[in-house]
Amino acid sequence: MGSTLEKDIETLKNDLGKFRDYLNSTMSDVGNYSEEKLHATKERLKSAMEDFGNTAHRRMARINETVCHRCGSVVKASREAATKKPFTTMAVSFGAGAVTAALLGRRNHG
């Protein structure tokens, strides 16, 4: 599922790049446009911005849903592991704390 998130983010980047390029090319041509063409371009840009916003919103919602699901799975698994083996969990936590304290102590004194 990590590749799905990466693909969605990459697609959003590409869409934003295309939108930026389109906006730049359109803005450079504005001096040559009549008022009617300018109004039509304004409407196309407005539509493109709305489409991009909707697409980005859908993709970000999907990414958010995936991340929340994964986080829920991790929390559930860690709770189950702690429930099944409480002494092991306590020993690992103590060990991690001791290692962290030793590293921070060495960093502060070094």
N, C-alpha and C. Protein backbone atom coordinates (compact mmCIF):
# COMPACT_ATOMS: atom_id res chain seq x y z
N MET A 1 0.81 -1.20 0.00
CA MET A 1 0.00 0.00 0.00
C MET A 1 0.85 1.26 0.00
N GLY A 2 2.13 1.12 0.40
CA GLY A 2 3.02 2.26 0.38
C GLY A 2 3.19 2.80 -1.03
N SER A 3 3.21 1.89 -2.00
CA SER A 3 3.36 2.34 -3.37
C SER A 3 2.13 3.09 -3.85
N THR A 4 0.96 2.76 -3.31
CA THR A 4 -0.26 3.48 -3.67
C THR A 4 -0.18 4.92 -3.19
N LEU A 5 0.29 5.11 -1.96
CA LEU A 5 0.44 6.46 -1.43
C LEU A 5 1.46 7.24 -2.26
N GLU A 6 2.56 6.59 -2.57
CA GLU A 6 3.59 7.27 -3.35
C GLU A 6 3.06 7.62 -4.74
N LYS A 7 2.28 6.70 -5.35
CA LYS A 7 1.71 6.98 -6.67
C LYS A 7 0.75 8.16 -6.61
N ASP A 8 -0.11 8.17 -5.58
CA ASP A 8 -1.07 9.27 -5.45
C ASP A 8 -0.36 10.60 -5.26
N ILE A 9 0.68 10.61 -4.44
CA ILE A 9 1.42 11.85 -4.21
C ILE A 9 2.12 12.28 -5.49
N GLU A 10 2.72 11.34 -6.21
CA GLU A 10 3.40 11.66 -7.46
C GLU A 10 2.41 12.18 -8.50
N THR A 11 1.21 11.58 -8.55
CA THR A 11 0.18 12.04 -9.49
C THR A 11 -0.24 13.46 -9.16
N LEU A 12 -0.39 13.75 -7.86
CA LEU A 12 -0.75 15.11 -7.45
C LEU A 12 0.34 16.10 -7.87
N LYS A 13 1.60 15.71 -7.70
CA LYS A 13 2.70 16.58 -8.11
C LYS A 13 2.66 16.83 -9.61
N ASN A 14 2.42 15.77 -10.38
CA ASN A 14 2.36 15.91 -11.84
C ASN A 14 1.20 16.81 -12.25
N ASP A 15 0.03 16.60 -11.62
CA ASP A 15 -1.14 17.43 -11.93
C ASP A 15 -0.86 18.89 -11.62
N LEU A 16 -0.23 19.13 -10.49
CA LEU A 16 0.09 20.51 -10.11
C LEU A 16 1.08 21.12 -11.10
N GLY A 17 2.06 20.33 -11.55
CA GLY A 17 3.02 20.82 -12.54
C GLY A 17 2.34 21.16 -13.86
N LYS A 18 1.42 20.30 -14.31
CA LYS A 18 0.68 20.57 -15.55
C LYS A 18 -0.16 21.83 -15.41
N PHE A 19 -0.80 21.95 -14.24
CA PHE A 19 -1.64 23.13 -14.00
C PHE A 19 -0.79 24.39 -14.02
N ARG A 20 0.38 24.34 -13.37
CA ARG A 20 1.28 25.49 -13.33
C ARG A 20 1.74 25.86 -14.74
N ASP A 21 2.12 24.84 -15.53
CA ASP A 21 2.56 25.09 -16.91
C ASP A 21 1.45 25.72 -17.74
N TYR A 22 0.24 25.18 -17.59
CA TYR A 22 -0.90 25.72 -18.33
C TYR A 22 -1.16 27.17 -17.93
N LEU A 23 -1.10 27.43 -16.64
CA LEU A 23 -1.34 28.78 -16.14
C LEU A 23 -0.27 29.74 -16.67
N ASN A 24 0.98 29.31 -16.67
CA ASN A 24 2.06 30.17 -17.17
C ASN A 24 1.90 30.45 -18.66
N SER A 25 1.58 29.43 -19.45
CA SER A 25 1.42 29.65 -20.89
C SER A 25 0.22 30.54 -21.17
N THR A 26 -0.82 30.36 -20.40
CA THR A 26 -2.02 31.18 -20.59
C THR A 26 -1.75 32.64 -20.22
N MET A 27 -1.06 32.83 -19.12
CA MET A 27 -0.78 34.20 -18.68
C MET A 27 0.16 34.91 -19.65
N SER A 28 1.06 34.19 -20.30
CA SER A 28 1.96 34.85 -21.25
C SER A 28 1.22 35.27 -22.51
N ASP A 29 0.11 34.60 -22.82
CA ASP A 29 -0.67 34.92 -24.01
C ASP A 29 -1.75 35.97 -23.75
N VAL A 30 -1.93 36.40 -22.51
CA VAL A 30 -3.03 37.29 -22.15
C VAL A 30 -2.94 38.61 -22.92
N GLY A 31 -1.74 39.11 -23.15
CA GLY A 31 -1.60 40.38 -23.85
C GLY A 31 -2.15 40.34 -25.26
N ASN A 32 -2.20 39.17 -25.88
CA ASN A 32 -2.68 39.04 -27.25
C ASN A 32 -4.18 38.72 -27.34
N TYR A 33 -4.82 38.55 -26.22
CA TYR A 33 -6.22 38.13 -26.23
C TYR A 33 -7.17 39.31 -26.27
N SER A 34 -8.28 39.07 -26.90
CA SER A 34 -9.36 40.06 -26.83
C SER A 34 -10.09 39.82 -25.50
N GLU A 35 -10.99 40.71 -25.17
CA GLU A 35 -11.72 40.57 -23.91
C GLU A 35 -12.56 39.29 -23.90
N GLU A 36 -13.12 38.93 -25.04
CA GLU A 36 -13.92 37.70 -25.12
C GLU A 36 -13.06 36.46 -24.87
N LYS A 37 -11.89 36.43 -25.49
CA LYS A 37 -10.98 35.29 -25.28
C LYS A 37 -10.48 35.28 -23.84
N LEU A 38 -10.26 36.45 -23.29
CA LEU A 38 -9.79 36.54 -21.92
C LEU A 38 -10.83 35.97 -20.96
N HIS A 39 -12.11 36.30 -21.20
CA HIS A 39 -13.19 35.77 -20.37
C HIS A 39 -13.28 34.25 -20.49
N ALA A 40 -13.15 33.73 -21.72
CA ALA A 40 -13.20 32.28 -21.94
C ALA A 40 -12.03 31.60 -21.23
N THR A 41 -10.86 32.22 -21.29
CA THR A 41 -9.69 31.66 -20.62
C THR A 41 -9.88 31.68 -19.11
N LYS A 42 -10.45 32.75 -18.61
CA LYS A 42 -10.71 32.86 -17.18
C LYS A 42 -11.63 31.73 -16.73
N GLU A 43 -12.66 31.45 -17.51
CA GLU A 43 -13.59 30.37 -17.18
C GLU A 43 -12.91 29.00 -17.23
N ARG A 44 -12.04 28.80 -18.24
CA ARG A 44 -11.31 27.53 -18.33
C ARG A 44 -10.38 27.35 -17.14
N LEU A 45 -9.71 28.43 -16.76
CA LEU A 45 -8.83 28.37 -15.59
C LEU A 45 -9.62 28.09 -14.32
N LYS A 46 -10.75 28.72 -14.19
CA LYS A 46 -11.59 28.50 -13.02
C LYS A 46 -12.03 27.04 -12.96
N SER A 47 -12.42 26.51 -14.09
CA SER A 47 -12.84 25.10 -14.16
C SER A 47 -11.67 24.18 -13.86
N ALA A 48 -10.49 24.50 -14.39
CA ALA A 48 -9.30 23.67 -14.15
C ALA A 48 -8.92 23.69 -12.67
N MET A 49 -9.02 24.86 -12.04
CA MET A 49 -8.72 24.95 -10.62
C MET A 49 -9.70 24.13 -9.79
N GLU A 50 -10.97 24.19 -10.14
CA GLU A 50 -11.97 23.41 -9.41
C GLU A 50 -11.73 21.91 -9.61
N ASP A 51 -11.43 21.50 -10.83
CA ASP A 51 -11.15 20.10 -11.11
C ASP A 51 -9.93 19.63 -10.32
N PHE A 52 -8.87 20.44 -10.34
CA PHE A 52 -7.67 20.09 -9.60
C PHE A 52 -7.97 20.00 -8.11
N GLY A 53 -8.72 20.96 -7.59
CA GLY A 53 -9.07 20.94 -6.17
C GLY A 53 -9.86 19.71 -5.80
N ASN A 54 -10.82 19.35 -6.64
CA ASN A 54 -11.62 18.15 -6.37
C ASN A 54 -10.78 16.89 -6.43
N THR A 55 -9.93 16.80 -7.43
CA THR A 55 -9.06 15.63 -7.57
C THR A 55 -8.11 15.54 -6.38
N ALA A 56 -7.50 16.66 -6.02
CA ALA A 56 -6.57 16.66 -4.89
C ALA A 56 -7.29 16.28 -3.61
N HIS A 57 -8.50 16.79 -3.42
CA HIS A 57 -9.26 16.48 -2.22
C HIS A 57 -9.57 14.98 -2.14
N ARG A 58 -10.00 14.40 -3.25
CA ARG A 58 -10.31 12.96 -3.26
C ARG A 58 -9.06 12.14 -2.95
N ARG A 59 -7.96 12.50 -3.58
CA ARG A 59 -6.72 11.73 -3.36
C ARG A 59 -6.22 11.89 -1.93
N MET A 60 -6.27 13.11 -1.40
CA MET A 60 -5.83 13.31 -0.03
C MET A 60 -6.74 12.58 0.95
N ALA A 61 -8.03 12.53 0.66
CA ALA A 61 -8.96 11.79 1.52
C ALA A 61 -8.61 10.30 1.50
N ARG A 62 -8.28 9.78 0.31
CA ARG A 62 -7.90 8.37 0.20
C ARG A 62 -6.60 8.10 0.95
N ILE A 63 -5.63 9.01 0.83
CA ILE A 63 -4.37 8.87 1.56
C ILE A 63 -4.62 8.90 3.06
N ASN A 64 -5.45 9.84 3.49
CA ASN A 64 -5.79 9.96 4.91
C ASN A 64 -6.44 8.68 5.42
N GLU A 65 -7.36 8.14 4.65
CA GLU A 65 -8.04 6.91 5.04
C GLU A 65 -7.04 5.75 5.17
N THR A 66 -6.12 5.65 4.22
CA THR A 66 -5.11 4.59 4.26
C THR A 66 -4.21 4.73 5.47
N VAL A 67 -3.75 5.96 5.74
CA VAL A 67 -2.88 6.19 6.88
C VAL A 67 -3.60 5.89 8.19
N CYS A 68 -4.84 6.31 8.31
CA CYS A 68 -5.62 6.04 9.52
C CYS A 68 -5.81 4.54 9.72
N HIS A 69 -6.09 3.83 8.63
CA HIS A 69 -6.27 2.38 8.71
C HIS A 69 -4.99 1.71 9.18
N ARG A 70 -3.86 2.13 8.60
CA ARG A 70 -2.57 1.54 8.99
C ARG A 70 -2.25 1.84 10.45
N CYS A 71 -2.48 3.07 10.87
CA CYS A 71 -2.21 3.44 12.26
C CYS A 71 -3.08 2.62 13.21
N GLY A 72 -4.33 2.44 12.85
CA GLY A 72 -5.23 1.62 13.67
C GLY A 72 -4.74 0.19 13.76
N SER A 73 -4.24 -0.34 12.66
CA SER A 73 -3.70 -1.70 12.66
C SER A 73 -2.48 -1.83 13.55
N VAL A 74 -1.61 -0.83 13.49
CA VAL A 74 -0.39 -0.85 14.32
C VAL A 74 -0.76 -0.77 15.79
N VAL A 75 -1.67 0.12 16.15
CA VAL A 75 -2.09 0.26 17.55
C VAL A 75 -2.72 -1.04 18.04
N LYS A 76 -3.57 -1.63 17.22
CA LYS A 76 -4.23 -2.88 17.61
C LYS A 76 -3.20 -3.99 17.82
N ALA A 77 -2.25 -4.10 16.89
CA ALA A 77 -1.23 -5.14 17.00
C ALA A 77 -0.36 -4.94 18.24
N SER A 78 0.02 -3.70 18.52
CA SER A 78 0.85 -3.44 19.70
C SER A 78 0.08 -3.73 20.99
N ARG A 79 -1.19 -3.40 21.01
CA ARG A 79 -2.00 -3.69 22.21
C ARG A 79 -2.16 -5.20 22.40
N GLU A 80 -2.37 -5.91 21.31
CA GLU A 80 -2.50 -7.37 21.40
C GLU A 80 -1.19 -7.99 21.90
N ALA A 81 -0.07 -7.51 21.38
CA ALA A 81 1.23 -8.04 21.81
C ALA A 81 1.47 -7.74 23.28
N ALA A 82 1.12 -6.55 23.72
CA ALA A 82 1.30 -6.18 25.13
C ALA A 82 0.39 -7.00 26.03
N THR A 83 -0.79 -7.33 25.56
CA THR A 83 -1.73 -8.12 26.34
C THR A 83 -1.26 -9.57 26.44
N LYS A 84 -0.74 -10.11 25.35
CA LYS A 84 -0.29 -11.50 25.33
C LYS A 84 0.97 -11.71 26.15
N LYS A 85 1.88 -10.75 26.10
CA LYS A 85 3.17 -10.89 26.78
C LYS A 85 3.51 -9.62 27.55
N PRO A 86 2.85 -9.40 28.68
CA PRO A 86 3.06 -8.14 29.41
C PRO A 86 4.47 -8.01 29.98
N PHE A 87 5.05 -9.11 30.46
CA PHE A 87 6.40 -9.01 31.03
C PHE A 87 7.45 -8.74 29.95
N THR A 88 7.28 -9.36 28.81
CA THR A 88 8.20 -9.10 27.70
C THR A 88 8.08 -7.65 27.26
N THR A 89 6.86 -7.16 27.18
CA THR A 89 6.62 -5.77 26.79
C THR A 89 7.28 -4.82 27.78
N MET A 90 7.14 -5.13 29.07
CA MET A 90 7.73 -4.28 30.10
C MET A 90 9.26 -4.32 30.01
N ALA A 91 9.84 -5.50 29.78
CA ALA A 91 11.29 -5.64 29.67
C ALA A 91 11.82 -4.88 28.45
N VAL A 92 11.13 -4.99 27.32
CA VAL A 92 11.54 -4.28 26.11
C VAL A 92 11.45 -2.77 26.33
N SER A 93 10.38 -2.32 26.97
CA SER A 93 10.22 -0.89 27.25
C SER A 93 11.33 -0.38 28.16
N PHE A 94 11.64 -1.17 29.19
CA PHE A 94 12.71 -0.79 30.11
C PHE A 94 14.04 -0.72 29.36
N GLY A 95 14.31 -1.72 28.53
CA GLY A 95 15.56 -1.75 27.76
C GLY A 95 15.67 -0.57 26.81
N ALA A 96 14.57 -0.26 26.14
CA ALA A 96 14.58 0.89 25.21
C ALA A 96 14.81 2.19 25.97
N GLY A 97 14.22 2.30 27.15
CA GLY A 97 14.42 3.48 27.98
C GLY A 97 15.86 3.61 28.44
N ALA A 98 16.45 2.46 28.83
CA ALA A 98 17.84 2.47 29.30
C ALA A 98 18.79 2.86 28.16
N VAL A 99 18.56 2.31 26.98
CA VAL A 99 19.41 2.65 25.83
C VAL A 99 19.27 4.13 25.47
N THR A 100 18.04 4.62 25.46
CA THR A 100 17.80 6.04 25.17
C THR A 100 18.49 6.93 26.20
N ALA A 101 18.37 6.56 27.48
CA ALA A 101 19.01 7.36 28.53
C ALA A 101 20.52 7.35 28.38
N ALA A 102 21.06 6.19 28.04
CA ALA A 102 22.52 6.11 27.86
C ALA A 102 22.97 6.97 26.68
N LEU A 103 22.24 6.91 25.60
CA LEU A 103 22.60 7.71 24.42
C LEU A 103 22.47 9.21 24.70
N LEU A 104 21.40 9.59 25.36
CA LEU A 104 21.22 11.01 25.68
C LEU A 104 22.25 11.47 26.69
N GLY A 105 22.57 10.62 27.65
CA GLY A 105 23.60 10.96 28.63
C GLY A 105 24.95 11.14 27.97
N ARG A 106 25.27 10.27 27.03
CA ARG A 106 26.54 10.36 26.31
C ARG A 106 26.57 11.62 25.46
N ARG A 107 25.44 11.97 24.86
CA ARG A 107 25.35 13.15 24.00
C ARG A 107 25.53 14.43 24.81
N ASN A 108 24.93 14.48 25.99
CA ASN A 108 25.01 15.68 26.83
C ASN A 108 26.39 15.85 27.45
N HIS A 109 27.09 14.74 27.69
CA HIS A 109 28.41 14.82 28.33
C HIS A 109 29.54 14.88 27.31
N GLY A 110 29.22 14.55 26.06
CA GLY A 110 30.25 14.48 25.02
C GLY A 110 30.45 15.76 24.37
